[in-house]
PDB file of N, CA and C in Angstrom:
ATOM      1  N   UNK A   1      85.352 145.064  38.231  1.00  0.00           N
ATOM      2  CA  UNK A   1      86.008 144.338  39.309  1.00  0.00           C
ATOM      3  C   UNK A   1      87.241 143.622  38.753  1.00  0.00           C
ATOM      4  N   UNK A   2      88.304 143.609  39.552  1.00  0.00           N
ATOM      5  CA  UNK A   2      89.558 142.988  39.136  1.00  0.00           C
ATOM      6  C   UNK A   2      89.497 141.488  39.396  1.00  0.00           C
ATOM      7  N   UNK A   3      90.008 140.728  38.447  1.00  0.00           N
ATOM      8  CA  UNK A   3      90.058 139.280  38.558  1.00  0.00           C
ATOM      9  C   UNK A   3      90.943 138.857  39.734  1.00  0.00           C
ATOM     10  N   UNK A   4      90.497 137.901  40.517  1.00  0.00           N
ATOM     11  CA  UNK A   4      91.246 137.441  41.694  1.00  0.00           C
ATOM     12  C   UNK A   4      92.597 136.865  41.307  1.00  0.00           C
ATOM     13  N   UNK A   5      92.688 136.187  40.159  1.00  0.00           N
ATOM     14  CA  UNK A   5      93.977 135.646  39.713  1.00  0.00           C
ATOM     15  C   UNK A   5      94.983 136.760  39.461  1.00  0.00           C
ATOM     16  N   UNK A   6      94.518 137.867  38.906  1.00  0.00           N
ATOM     17  CA  UNK A   6      95.394 139.007  38.656  1.00  0.00           C
ATOM     18  C   UNK A   6      95.869 139.623  39.974  1.00  0.00           C
ATOM     19  N   UNK A   7      94.969 139.727  40.944  1.00  0.00           N
ATOM     20  CA  UNK A   7      95.340 140.238  42.270  1.00  0.00           C
ATOM     21  C   UNK A   7      96.401 139.329  42.896  1.00  0.00           C
ATOM     22  N   UNK A   8      96.173 138.028  42.851  1.00  0.00           N
ATOM     23  CA  UNK A   8      97.128 137.074  43.414  1.00  0.00           C
ATOM     24  C   UNK A   8      98.468 137.142  42.700  1.00  0.00           C
ATOM     25  N   UNK A   9      98.443 137.272  41.381  1.00  0.00           N
ATOM     26  CA  UNK A   9      99.686 137.365  40.620  1.00  0.00           C
ATOM     27  C   UNK A   9     100.448 138.640  40.976  1.00  0.00           C
ATOM     28  N   UNK A  10      99.745 139.754  41.058  1.00  0.00           N
ATOM     29  CA  UNK A  10     100.387 141.016  41.418  1.00  0.00           C
ATOM     30  C   UNK A  10     101.040 140.908  42.795  1.00  0.00           C
ATOM     31  N   UNK A  11     100.317 140.391  43.757  1.00  0.00           N
ATOM     32  CA  UNK A  11     100.870 140.263  45.103  1.00  0.00           C
ATOM     33  C   UNK A  11     102.020 139.257  45.125  1.00  0.00           C
ATOM     34  N   UNK A  12     101.936 138.197  44.357  1.00  0.00           N
ATOM     35  CA  UNK A  12     103.019 137.211  44.284  1.00  0.00           C
ATOM     36  C   UNK A  12     104.291 137.844  43.723  1.00  0.00           C
ATOM     37  N   UNK A  13     104.152 138.669  42.704  1.00  0.00           N
ATOM     38  CA  UNK A  13     105.322 139.362  42.131  1.00  0.00           C
ATOM     39  C   UNK A  13     105.906 140.337  43.156  1.00  0.00           C
ATOM     40  N   UNK A  14     105.049 141.048  43.869  1.00  0.00           N
ATOM     41  CA  UNK A  14     105.531 141.969  44.906  1.00  0.00           C
ATOM     42  C   UNK A  14     106.285 141.194  45.988  1.00  0.00           C
ATOM     43  N   UNK A  15     105.771 140.052  46.389  1.00  0.00           N
ATOM     44  CA  UNK A  15     106.444 139.232  47.395  1.00  0.00           C
ATOM     45  C   UNK A  15     107.809 138.783  46.886  1.00  0.00           C
ATOM     46  N   UNK A  16     107.870 138.293  45.659  1.00  0.00           N
ATOM     47  CA  UNK A  16     109.133 137.806  45.095  1.00  0.00           C
ATOM     48  C   UNK A  16     110.160 138.926  44.954  1.00  0.00           C
ATOM     49  N   UNK A  17     109.733 140.079  44.461  1.00  0.00           N
ATOM     50  CA  UNK A  17     110.678 141.183  44.304  1.00  0.00           C
ATOM     51  C   UNK A  17     111.092 141.757  45.656  1.00  0.00           C
ATOM     52  N   UNK A  18     110.201 141.711  46.630  1.00  0.00           N
ATOM     53  CA  UNK A  18     110.561 142.162  47.979  1.00  0.00           C
ATOM     54  C   UNK A  18     111.630 141.247  48.571  1.00  0.00           C
ATOM     55  N   UNK A  19     111.465 139.946  48.384  1.00  0.00           N
ATOM     56  CA  UNK A  19     112.488 139.008  48.856  1.00  0.00           C
ATOM     57  C   UNK A  19     113.837 139.318  48.225  1.00  0.00           C
ATOM     58  N   UNK A  20     113.836 139.567  46.937  1.00  0.00           N
ATOM     59  CA  UNK A  20     115.091 139.889  46.251  1.00  0.00           C
ATOM     60  C   UNK A  20     115.668 141.199  46.770  1.00  0.00           C
ATOM     61  N   UNK A  21     114.814 142.205  46.915  1.00  0.00           N
ATOM     62  CA  UNK A  21     115.283 143.512  47.377  1.00  0.00           C
ATOM     63  C   UNK A  21     115.846 143.448  48.787  1.00  0.00           C
ATOM     64  N   UNK A  22     115.305 142.575  49.609  1.00  0.00           N
ATOM     65  CA  UNK A  22     115.792 142.443  50.976  1.00  0.00           C
ATOM     66  C   UNK A  22     117.079 141.606  51.018  1.00  0.00           C
ATOM     67  N   UNK A  23     117.194 140.601  50.170  1.00  0.00           N
ATOM     68  CA  UNK A  23     118.347 139.706  50.209  1.00  0.00           C
ATOM     69  C   UNK A  23     119.576 140.241  49.469  1.00  0.00           C
ATOM     70  N   UNK A  24     119.394 140.991  48.424  1.00  0.00           N
ATOM     71  CA  UNK A  24     120.522 141.441  47.602  1.00  0.00           C
ATOM     72  C   UNK A  24     121.550 142.272  48.368  1.00  0.00           C
ATOM     73  N   UNK A  25     121.142 143.169  49.261  1.00  0.00           N
ATOM     74  CA  UNK A  25     122.169 143.922  49.997  1.00  0.00           C
ATOM     75  C   UNK A  25     123.118 143.037  50.807  1.00  0.00           C
ATOM     76  N   UNK A  26     122.644 141.885  51.281  1.00  0.00           N
ATOM     77  CA  UNK A  26     123.540 140.970  51.990  1.00  0.00           C
ATOM     78  C   UNK A  26     124.649 140.499  51.060  1.00  0.00           C
ATOM     79  N   UNK A  27     124.311 140.218  49.804  1.00  0.00           N
ATOM     80  CA  UNK A  27     125.287 139.799  48.816  1.00  0.00           C
ATOM     81  C   UNK A  27     126.286 140.923  48.540  1.00  0.00           C
ATOM     82  N   UNK A  28     125.787 142.131  48.413  1.00  0.00           N
ATOM     83  CA  UNK A  28     126.660 143.278  48.147  1.00  0.00           C
ATOM     84  C   UNK A  28     127.649 143.468  49.302  1.00  0.00           C
ATOM     85  N   UNK A  29     127.134 143.411  50.523  1.00  0.00           N
ATOM     86  CA  UNK A  29     128.010 143.607  51.680  1.00  0.00           C
ATOM     87  C   UNK A  29     128.997 142.454  51.839  1.00  0.00           C
ATOM     88  N   UNK A  30     128.618 141.248  51.435  1.00  0.00           N
ATOM     89  CA  UNK A  30     129.550 140.123  51.464  1.00  0.00           C
ATOM     90  C   UNK A  30     130.709 140.376  50.501  1.00  0.00           C
ATOM     91  N   UNK A  31     130.420 140.996  49.367  1.00  0.00           N
ATOM     92  CA  UNK A  31     131.493 141.311  48.415  1.00  0.00           C
ATOM     93  C   UNK A  31     132.455 142.342  48.991  1.00  0.00           C
ATOM     94  N   UNK A  32     131.948 143.300  49.749  1.00  0.00           N
ATOM     95  CA  UNK A  32     132.820 144.271  50.416  1.00  0.00           C
ATOM     96  C   UNK A  32     133.713 143.545  51.420  1.00  0.00           C
ATOM     97  N   UNK A  33     133.137 142.606  52.162  1.00  0.00           N
ATOM     98  CA  UNK A  33     133.911 141.818  53.117  1.00  0.00           C
ATOM     99  C   UNK A  33     135.016 141.040  52.408  1.00  0.00           C
ATOM    100  N   UNK A  34     134.681 140.435  51.280  1.00  0.00           N
ATOM    101  CA  UNK A  34     135.688 139.685  50.522  1.00  0.00           C
ATOM    102  C   UNK A  34     136.770 140.619  49.994  1.00  0.00           C
ATOM    103  N   UNK A  35     136.391 141.819  49.553  1.00  0.00           N
ATOM    104  CA  UNK A  35     137.365 142.796  49.074  1.00  0.00           C
ATOM    105  C   UNK A  35     138.316 143.177  50.206  1.00  0.00           C
ATOM    106  N   UNK A  36     137.765 143.450  51.383  1.00  0.00           N
ATOM    107  CA  UNK A  36     138.609 143.763  52.541  1.00  0.00           C
ATOM    108  C   UNK A  36     139.564 142.626  52.856  1.00  0.00           C
ATOM    109  N   UNK A  37     139.048 141.407  52.813  1.00  0.00           N
ATOM    110  CA  UNK A  37     139.885 140.248  53.096  1.00  0.00           C
ATOM    111  C   UNK A  37     141.027 140.142  52.095  1.00  0.00           C
ATOM    112  N   UNK A  38     140.743 140.393  50.834  1.00  0.00           N
ATOM    113  CA  UNK A  38     141.790 140.314  49.813  1.00  0.00           C
ATOM    114  C   UNK A  38     142.802 141.436  49.961  1.00  0.00           C
ATOM    115  N   UNK A  39     142.312 142.633  50.252  1.00  0.00           N
ATOM    116  CA  UNK A  39     143.217 143.781  50.378  1.00  0.00           C
ATOM    117  C   UNK A  39     144.097 143.709  51.608  1.00  0.00           C
ATOM    118  N   UNK A  40     143.544 143.214  52.694  1.00  0.00           N
ATOM    119  CA  UNK A  40     144.250 143.286  53.962  1.00  0.00           C
ATOM    120  C   UNK A  40     144.663 141.927  54.513  1.00  0.00           C
ATOM    121  N   UNK A  41     144.504 140.877  53.692  1.00  0.00           N
ATOM    122  CA  UNK A  41     145.044 139.568  54.022  1.00  0.00           C
ATOM    123  C   UNK A  41     144.347 138.795  55.124  1.00  0.00           C
ATOM    124  N   UNK A  42     143.100 139.116  55.431  1.00  0.00           N
ATOM    125  CA  UNK A  42     142.411 138.365  56.473  1.00  0.00           C
ATOM    126  C   UNK A  42     141.734 137.122  55.920  1.00  0.00           C
ATOM    127  N   UNK A  43     141.309 137.153  54.692  1.00  0.00           N
ATOM    128  CA  UNK A  43     140.804 136.005  53.927  1.00  0.00           C
ATOM    129  C   UNK A  43     139.933 135.029  54.710  1.00  0.00           C
ATOM    130  N   UNK A  44     138.838 135.536  55.285  1.00  0.00           N
ATOM    131  CA  UNK A  44     137.905 134.645  55.980  1.00  0.00           C
ATOM    132  C   UNK A  44     136.612 134.450  55.204  1.00  0.00           C
ATOM    133  N   UNK A  45     136.274 135.373  54.302  1.00  0.00           N
ATOM    134  CA  UNK A  45     135.016 135.285  53.553  1.00  0.00           C
ATOM    135  C   UNK A  45     135.174 134.329  52.379  1.00  0.00           C
ATOM    136  N   UNK A  46     134.119 133.570  52.139  1.00  0.00           N
ATOM    137  CA  UNK A  46     134.128 132.618  51.039  1.00  0.00           C
ATOM    138  C   UNK A  46     133.670 133.283  49.748  1.00  0.00           C
ATOM    139  N   UNK A  47     134.021 132.667  48.638  1.00  0.00           N
ATOM    140  CA  UNK A  47     133.601 133.152  47.334  1.00  0.00           C
ATOM    141  C   UNK A  47     132.084 133.046  47.196  1.00  0.00           C
ATOM    142  N   UNK A  48     131.523 133.891  46.337  1.00  0.00           N
ATOM    143  CA  UNK A  48     130.072 133.879  46.159  1.00  0.00           C
ATOM    144  C   UNK A  48     129.607 132.693  45.321  1.00  0.00           C
ATOM    145  N   UNK A  49     130.514 131.911  44.809  1.00  0.00           N
ATOM    146  CA  UNK A  49     130.122 130.717  44.073  1.00  0.00           C
ATOM    147  C   UNK A  49     130.319 130.854  42.579  1.00  0.00           C
ATOM    148  N   UNK A  50     129.601 130.013  41.834  1.00  0.00           N
ATOM    149  CA  UNK A  50     129.841 129.914  40.398  1.00  0.00           C
ATOM    150  C   UNK A  50     129.199 131.020  39.561  1.00  0.00           C
ATOM    151  N   UNK A  51     128.581 132.015  40.164  1.00  0.00           N
ATOM    152  CA  UNK A  51     127.953 133.080  39.379  1.00  0.00           C
ATOM    153  C   UNK A  51     129.007 134.133  39.097  1.00  0.00           C
ATOM    154  N   UNK A  52     129.651 134.005  37.925  1.00  0.00           N
ATOM    155  CA  UNK A  52     130.783 134.867  37.605  1.00  0.00           C
ATOM    156  C   UNK A  52     130.587 135.660  36.312  1.00  0.00           C
ATOM    157  N   UNK A  53     129.355 135.736  35.828  1.00  0.00           N
ATOM    158  CA  UNK A  53     129.091 136.528  34.626  1.00  0.00           C
ATOM    159  C   UNK A  53     127.695 137.130  34.709  1.00  0.00           C
ATOM    160  N   UNK A  54     127.481 138.151  33.907  1.00  0.00           N
ATOM    161  CA  UNK A  54     126.174 138.806  33.879  1.00  0.00           C
ATOM    162  C   UNK A  54     125.093 137.833  33.436  1.00  0.00           C
ATOM    163  N   UNK A  55     125.389 137.006  32.443  1.00  0.00           N
ATOM    164  CA  UNK A  55     124.411 136.050  31.940  1.00  0.00           C
ATOM    165  C   UNK A  55     123.996 135.061  33.025  1.00  0.00           C
ATOM    166  N   UNK A  56     124.963 134.549  33.779  1.00  0.00           N
ATOM    167  CA  UNK A  56     124.640 133.621  34.866  1.00  0.00           C
ATOM    168  C   UNK A  56     123.821 134.323  35.950  1.00  0.00           C
ATOM    169  N   UNK A  57     124.181 135.565  36.266  1.00  0.00           N
ATOM    170  CA  UNK A  57     123.443 136.311  37.291  1.00  0.00           C
ATOM    171  C   UNK A  57     122.010 136.555  36.852  1.00  0.00           C
ATOM    172  N   UNK A  58     121.825 136.943  35.601  1.00  0.00           N
ATOM    173  CA  UNK A  58     120.471 137.177  35.087  1.00  0.00           C
ATOM    174  C   UNK A  58     119.662 135.887  35.064  1.00  0.00           C
ATOM    175  N   UNK A  59     120.284 134.805  34.623  1.00  0.00           N
ATOM    176  CA  UNK A  59     119.585 133.517  34.594  1.00  0.00           C
ATOM    177  C   UNK A  59     119.186 133.100  36.008  1.00  0.00           C
ATOM    178  N   UNK A  60     120.095 133.282  36.952  1.00  0.00           N
ATOM    179  CA  UNK A  60     119.811 132.918  38.339  1.00  0.00           C
ATOM    180  C   UNK A  60     118.641 133.731  38.888  1.00  0.00           C
ATOM    181  N   UNK A  61     118.653 135.041  38.676  1.00  0.00           N
ATOM    182  CA  UNK A  61     117.590 135.878  39.240  1.00  0.00           C
ATOM    183  C   UNK A  61     116.258 135.597  38.564  1.00  0.00           C
ATOM    184  N   UNK A  62     116.253 135.333  37.273  1.00  0.00           N
ATOM    185  CA  UNK A  62     115.000 135.013  36.581  1.00  0.00           C
ATOM    186  C   UNK A  62     114.405 133.723  37.142  1.00  0.00           C
ATOM    187  N   UNK A  63     115.244 132.716  37.314  1.00  0.00           N
ATOM    188  CA  UNK A  63     114.763 131.444  37.859  1.00  0.00           C
ATOM    189  C   UNK A  63     114.263 131.624  39.298  1.00  0.00           C
ATOM    190  N   UNK A  64     115.033 132.341  40.117  1.00  0.00           N
ATOM    191  CA  UNK A  64     114.626 132.541  41.512  1.00  0.00           C
ATOM    192  C   UNK A  64     113.347 133.367  41.615  1.00  0.00           C
ATOM    193  N   UNK A  65     113.223 134.416  40.803  1.00  0.00           N
ATOM    194  CA  UNK A  65     111.991 135.211  40.828  1.00  0.00           C
ATOM    195  C   UNK A  65     110.798 134.392  40.346  1.00  0.00           C
ATOM    196  N   UNK A  66     111.015 133.575  39.326  1.00  0.00           N
ATOM    197  CA  UNK A  66     109.924 132.736  38.824  1.00  0.00           C
ATOM    198  C   UNK A  66     109.483 131.726  39.890  1.00  0.00           C
ATOM    199  N   UNK A  67     110.458 131.112  40.556  1.00  0.00           N
ATOM    200  CA  UNK A  67     110.119 130.153  41.619  1.00  0.00           C
ATOM    201  C   UNK A  67     109.411 130.837  42.786  1.00  0.00           C
ATOM    202  N   UNK A  68     109.946 131.957  43.238  1.00  0.00           N
ATOM    203  CA  UNK A  68     109.334 132.662  44.367  1.00  0.00           C
ATOM    204  C   UNK A  68     107.938 133.155  44.007  1.00  0.00           C
ATOM    205  N   UNK A  69     107.791 133.671  42.783  1.00  0.00           N
ATOM    206  CA  UNK A  69     106.476 134.134  42.331  1.00  0.00           C
ATOM    207  C   UNK A  69     105.504 132.966  42.257  1.00  0.00           C
ATOM    208  N   UNK A  70     105.950 131.843  41.709  1.00  0.00           N
ATOM    209  CA  UNK A  70     105.085 130.668  41.594  1.00  0.00           C
ATOM    210  C   UNK A  70     104.625 130.143  42.937  1.00  0.00           C
ATOM    211  N   UNK A  71     105.553 130.033  43.872  1.00  0.00           N
ATOM    212  CA  UNK A  71     105.194 129.540  45.209  1.00  0.00           C
ATOM    213  C   UNK A  71     104.231 130.515  45.884  1.00  0.00           C
ATOM    214  N   UNK A  72     104.549 131.823  45.817  1.00  0.00           N
ATOM    215  CA  UNK A  72     103.671 132.820  46.431  1.00  0.00           C
ATOM    216  C   UNK A  72     102.291 132.797  45.782  1.00  0.00           C
ATOM    217  N   UNK A  73     102.248 132.656  44.467  1.00  0.00           N
ATOM    218  CA  UNK A  73     100.972 132.625  43.742  1.00  0.00           C
ATOM    219  C   UNK A  73     100.115 131.426  44.185  1.00  0.00           C
ATOM    220  N   UNK A  74     100.769 130.277  44.324  1.00  0.00           N
ATOM    221  CA  UNK A  74     100.033 129.084  44.768  1.00  0.00           C
ATOM    222  C   UNK A  74      99.502 129.262  46.188  1.00  0.00           C
ATOM    223  N   UNK A  75     100.323 129.800  47.073  1.00  0.00           N
ATOM    224  CA  UNK A  75      99.876 130.035  48.446  1.00  0.00           C
ATOM    225  C   UNK A  75      98.765 131.076  48.505  1.00  0.00           C
ATOM    226  N   UNK A  76      98.891 132.127  47.709  1.00  0.00           N
ATOM    227  CA  UNK A  76      97.851 133.155  47.681  1.00  0.00           C
ATOM    228  C   UNK A  76      96.548 132.606  47.103  1.00  0.00           C
ATOM    229  N   UNK A  77      96.659 131.621  46.198  1.00  0.00           N
ATOM    230  CA  UNK A  77      95.464 130.979  45.659  1.00  0.00           C
ATOM    231  C   UNK A  77      94.667 130.264  46.748  1.00  0.00           C
ATOM    232  N   UNK A  78      95.380 129.783  47.754  1.00  0.00           N
ATOM    233  CA  UNK A  78      94.699 129.136  48.877  1.00  0.00           C
ATOM    234  C   UNK A  78      94.052 130.167  49.798  1.00  0.00           C
ATOM    235  N   UNK A  79      94.699 131.305  49.944  1.00  0.00           N
ATOM    236  CA  UNK A  79      94.207 132.343  50.850  1.00  0.00           C
ATOM    237  C   UNK A  79      93.164 133.233  50.172  1.00  0.00           C
ATOM    238  N   UNK A  80      93.378 133.532  48.895  1.00  0.00           N
ATOM    239  CA  UNK A  80      92.520 134.443  48.125  1.00  0.00           C
ATOM    240  C   UNK A  80      92.208 135.747  48.866  1.00  0.00           C
ATOM    241  N   UNK A  81      93.224 136.586  49.071  1.00  0.00           N
ATOM    242  CA  UNK A  81      92.966 137.846  49.776  1.00  0.00           C
ATOM    243  C   UNK A  81      92.080 138.766  48.940  1.00  0.00           C
ATOM    244  N   UNK A  82      91.277 139.558  49.623  1.00  0.00           N
ATOM    245  CA  UNK A  82      90.454 140.537  48.918  1.00  0.00           C
ATOM    246  C   UNK A  82      91.369 141.581  48.288  1.00  0.00           C
ATOM    247  N   UNK A  83      90.877 142.275  47.281  1.00  0.00           N
ATOM    248  CA  UNK A  83      91.693 143.242  46.541  1.00  0.00           C
ATOM    249  C   UNK A  83      92.294 144.295  47.463  1.00  0.00           C
ATOM    250  N   UNK A  84      91.485 144.863  48.336  1.00  0.00           N
ATOM    251  CA  UNK A  84      91.986 145.913  49.218  1.00  0.00           C
ATOM    252  C   UNK A  84      93.054 145.373  50.169  1.00  0.00           C
ATOM    253  N   UNK A  85      92.844 144.184  50.689  1.00  0.00           N
ATOM    254  CA  UNK A  85      93.833 143.565  51.571  1.00  0.00           C
ATOM    255  C   UNK A  85      95.133 143.317  50.820  1.00  0.00           C
ATOM    256  N   UNK A  86      95.030 142.822  49.591  1.00  0.00           N
ATOM    257  CA  UNK A  86      96.214 142.560  48.774  1.00  0.00           C
ATOM    258  C   UNK A  86      96.996 143.842  48.510  1.00  0.00           C
ATOM    259  N   UNK A  87      96.291 144.929  48.247  1.00  0.00           N
ATOM    260  CA  UNK A  87      96.966 146.207  47.996  1.00  0.00           C
ATOM    261  C   UNK A  87      97.694 146.672  49.258  1.00  0.00           C
ATOM    262  N   UNK A  88      97.041 146.561  50.415  1.00  0.00           N
ATOM    263  CA  UNK A  88      97.688 146.959  51.664  1.00  0.00           C
ATOM    264  C   UNK A  88      98.912 146.100  51.956  1.00  0.00           C
ATOM    265  N   UNK A  89      98.825 144.815  51.695  1.00  0.00           N
ATOM    266  CA  UNK A  89      99.980 143.926  51.897  1.00  0.00           C
ATOM    267  C   UNK A  89     101.108 144.333  50.955  1.00  0.00           C
ATOM    268  N   UNK A  90     100.768 144.604  49.698  1.00  0.00           N
ATOM    269  CA  UNK A  90     101.776 145.003  48.718  1.00  0.00           C
ATOM    270  C   UNK A  90     102.462 146.300  49.139  1.00  0.00           C
ATOM    271  N   UNK A  91     101.686 147.275  49.577  1.00  0.00           N
ATOM    272  CA  UNK A  91     102.261 148.547  50.023  1.00  0.00           C
ATOM    273  C   UNK A  91     103.194 148.322  51.208  1.00  0.00           C
ATOM    274  N   UNK A  92     102.760 147.519  52.174  1.00  0.00           N
ATOM    275  CA  UNK A  92     103.589 147.244  53.353  1.00  0.00           C
ATOM    276  C   UNK A  92     104.887 146.547  52.959  1.00  0.00           C
ATOM    277  N   UNK A  93     104.806 145.568  52.063  1.00  0.00           N
ATOM    278  CA  UNK A  93     106.012 144.852  51.630  1.00  0.00           C
ATOM    279  C   UNK A  93     106.973 145.762  50.882  1.00  0.00           C
ATOM    280  N   UNK A  94     106.440 146.608  50.015  1.00  0.00           N
ATOM    281  CA  UNK A  94     107.307 147.524  49.267  1.00  0.00           C
ATOM    282  C   UNK A  94     107.984 148.527  50.205  1.00  0.00           C
ATOM    283  N   UNK A  95     107.258 149.019  51.187  1.00  0.00           N
ATOM    284  CA  UNK A  95     107.861 149.928  52.162  1.00  0.00           C
ATOM    285  C   UNK A  95     108.916 149.209  52.999  1.00  0.00           C
ATOM    286  N   UNK A  96     108.621 147.989  53.409  1.00  0.00           N
ATOM    287  CA  UNK A  96     109.592 147.204  54.165  1.00  0.00           C
ATOM    288  C   UNK A  96     110.869 146.997  53.356  1.00  0.00           C
ATOM    289  N   UNK A  97     110.715 146.629  52.095  1.00  0.00           N
ATOM    290  CA  UNK A  97     111.884 146.411  51.237  1.00  0.00           C
ATOM    291  C   UNK A  97     112.702 147.690  51.105  1.00  0.00           C
ATOM    292  N   UNK A  98     112.041 148.810  50.963  1.00  0.00           N
ATOM    293  CA  UNK A  98     112.751 150.082  50.816  1.00  0.00           C
ATOM    294  C   UNK A  98     113.510 150.435  52.092  1.00  0.00           C
ATOM    295  N   UNK A  99     112.892 150.213  53.241  1.00  0.00           N
ATOM    296  CA  UNK A  99     113.555 150.513  54.516  1.00  0.00           C
ATOM    297  C   UNK A  99     114.776 149.613  54.707  1.00  0.00           C
ATOM    298  N   UNK A 100     114.596 148.321  54.474  1.00  0.00           N
ATOM    299  CA  UNK A 100     115.714 147.378  54.625  1.00  0.00           C
ATOM    300  C   UNK A 100     116.831 147.714  53.651  1.00  0.00           C
ATOM    301  N   UNK A 101     116.475 147.998  52.411  1.00  0.00           N
ATOM    302  CA  UNK A 101     117.469 148.371  51.416  1.00  0.00           C
ATOM    303  C   UNK A 101     118.224 149.621  51.825  1.00  0.00           C
ATOM    304  N   UNK A 102     117.510 150.629  52.285  1.00  0.00           N
ATOM    305  CA  UNK A 102     118.145 151.877  52.684  1.00  0.00           C
ATOM    306  C   UNK A 102     119.136 151.648  53.815  1.00  0.00           C
ATOM    307  N   UNK A 103     118.745 150.868  54.813  1.00  0.00           N
ATOM    308  CA  UNK A 103     119.638 150.588  55.927  1.00  0.00           C
ATOM    309  C   UNK A 103     120.896 149.836  55.476  1.00  0.00           C
ATOM    310  N   UNK A 104     120.713 148.842  54.625  1.00  0.00           N
ATOM    311  CA  UNK A 104     121.866 148.058  54.163  1.00  0.00           C
ATOM    312  C   UNK A 104     122.744 148.833  53.197  1.00  0.00           C
ATOM    313  N   UNK A 105     122.166 149.630  52.362  1.00  0.00           N
ATOM    314  CA  UNK A 105     122.980 150.431  51.446  1.00  0.00           C
ATOM    315  C   UNK A 105     123.781 151.461  52.230  1.00  0.00           C
ATOM    316  N   UNK A 106     123.183 152.033  53.271  1.00  0.00           N
ATOM    317  CA  UNK A 106     123.925 152.951  54.129  1.00  0.00           C
ATOM    318  C   UNK A 106     125.108 152.239  54.775  1.00  0.00           C
ATOM    319  N   UNK A 107     124.869 151.030  55.275  1.00  0.00           N
ATOM    320  CA  UNK A 107     125.956 150.245  55.873  1.00  0.00           C
ATOM    321  C   UNK A 107     127.028 149.930  54.826  1.00  0.00           C
ATOM    322  N   UNK A 108     126.619 149.629  53.601  1.00  0.00           N
ATOM    323  CA  UNK A 108     127.564 149.393  52.506  1.00  0.00           C
ATOM    324  C   UNK A 108     128.447 150.617  52.294  1.00  0.00           C
ATOM    325  N   UNK A 109     127.838 151.795  52.266  1.00  0.00           N
ATOM    326  CA  UNK A 109     128.611 153.022  52.066  1.00  0.00           C
ATOM    327  C   UNK A 109     129.617 153.221  53.204  1.00  0.00           C
ATOM    328  N   UNK A 110     129.202 152.924  54.428  1.00  0.00           N
ATOM    329  CA  UNK A 110     130.108 153.039  55.566  1.00  0.00           C
ATOM    330  C   UNK A 110     131.278 152.060  55.428  1.00  0.00           C
ATOM    331  N   UNK A 111     130.973 150.820  55.045  1.00  0.00           N
ATOM    332  CA  UNK A 111     132.019 149.806  54.897  1.00  0.00           C
ATOM    333  C   UNK A 111     132.980 150.160  53.770  1.00  0.00           C
ATOM    334  N   UNK A 112     132.445 150.681  52.675  1.00  0.00           N
ATOM    335  CA  UNK A 112     133.316 151.084  51.561  1.00  0.00           C
ATOM    336  C   UNK A 112     134.186 152.273  51.962  1.00  0.00           C
ATOM    337  N   UNK A 113     133.627 153.211  52.725  1.00  0.00           N
ATOM    338  CA  UNK A 113     134.425 154.347  53.191  1.00  0.00           C
ATOM    339  C   UNK A 113     135.564 153.865  54.086  1.00  0.00           C
ATOM    340  N   UNK A 114     135.284 152.902  54.960  1.00  0.00           N
ATOM    341  CA  UNK A 114     136.331 152.342  55.814  1.00  0.00           C
ATOM    342  C   UNK A 114     137.407 151.658  54.981  1.00  0.00           C
ATOM    343  N   UNK A 115     136.986 150.908  53.970  1.00  0.00           N
ATOM    344  CA  UNK A 115     137.940 150.230  53.093  1.00  0.00           C
ATOM    345  C   UNK A 115     138.807 151.248  52.356  1.00  0.00           C
ATOM    346  N   UNK A 116     138.189 152.297  51.849  1.00  0.00           N
ATOM    347  CA  UNK A 116     138.949 153.315  51.131  1.00  0.00           C
ATOM    348  C   UNK A 116     139.929 154.018  52.069  1.00  0.00           C
ATOM    349  N   UNK A 117     139.523 154.292  53.302  1.00  0.00           N
ATOM    350  CA  UNK A 117     140.410 154.931  54.273  1.00  0.00           C
ATOM    351  C   UNK A 117     141.602 154.032  54.586  1.00  0.00           C
ATOM    352  N   UNK A 118     141.330 152.742  54.808  1.00  0.00           N
ATOM    353  CA  UNK A 118     142.409 151.798  55.083  1.00  0.00           C
ATOM    354  C   UNK A 118     143.367 151.705  53.896  1.00  0.00           C
ATOM    355  N   UNK A 119     142.813 151.708  52.683  1.00  0.00           N
ATOM    356  CA  UNK A 119     143.631 151.610  51.475  1.00  0.00           C
ATOM    357  C   UNK A 119     144.499 152.840  51.315  1.00  0.00           C
ATOM    358  N   UNK A 120     143.931 154.010  51.583  1.00  0.00           N
ATOM    359  CA  UNK A 120     144.705 155.260  51.476  1.00  0.00           C
ATOM    360  C   UNK A 120     145.844 155.283  52.491  1.00  0.00           C
ATOM    361  N   UNK A 121     145.615 154.752  53.675  1.00  0.00           N
ATOM    362  CA  UNK A 121     146.658 154.705  54.695  1.00  0.00           C
ATOM    363  C   UNK A 121     147.808 153.811  54.278  1.00  0.00           C
ATOM    364  N   UNK A 122     147.501 152.747  53.542  1.00  0.00           N
ATOM    365  CA  UNK A 122     148.532 151.802  53.096  1.00  0.00           C
ATOM    366  C   UNK A 122     149.403 152.394  52.003  1.00  0.00           C
ATOM    367  N   UNK A 123     148.840 153.328  51.235  1.00  0.00           N
ATOM    368  CA  UNK A 123     149.572 153.880  50.077  1.00  0.00           C
ATOM    369  C   UNK A 123     150.671 154.830  50.493  1.00  0.00           C
TER     370      UNK A 123
END
């Protein structure tokens, strides 16, 4: 039998990584918006903030994943889902993250194609 703490930890990590997988495409698409604003002079999008290096980005994601995992782990400790329930929740979350990612990445590709078309017209 699998230890309940291990089940809770596994599900907490899945929850944290799902949150990241769902949120990251918004950041990517915001960068496309900022690129468009810079290229075409509309300048309405704000900067992404002080994360301007790989080291800062890695530090930020490690801290955020640790916090999200910790909070999820504590909440799951209160709920203590059975192993089978935890696996089903994990599968559902991973599928949800993949669907959301696919939709946003497709939108990113469309936005980049539009940007490239506009840029080619300007040249």
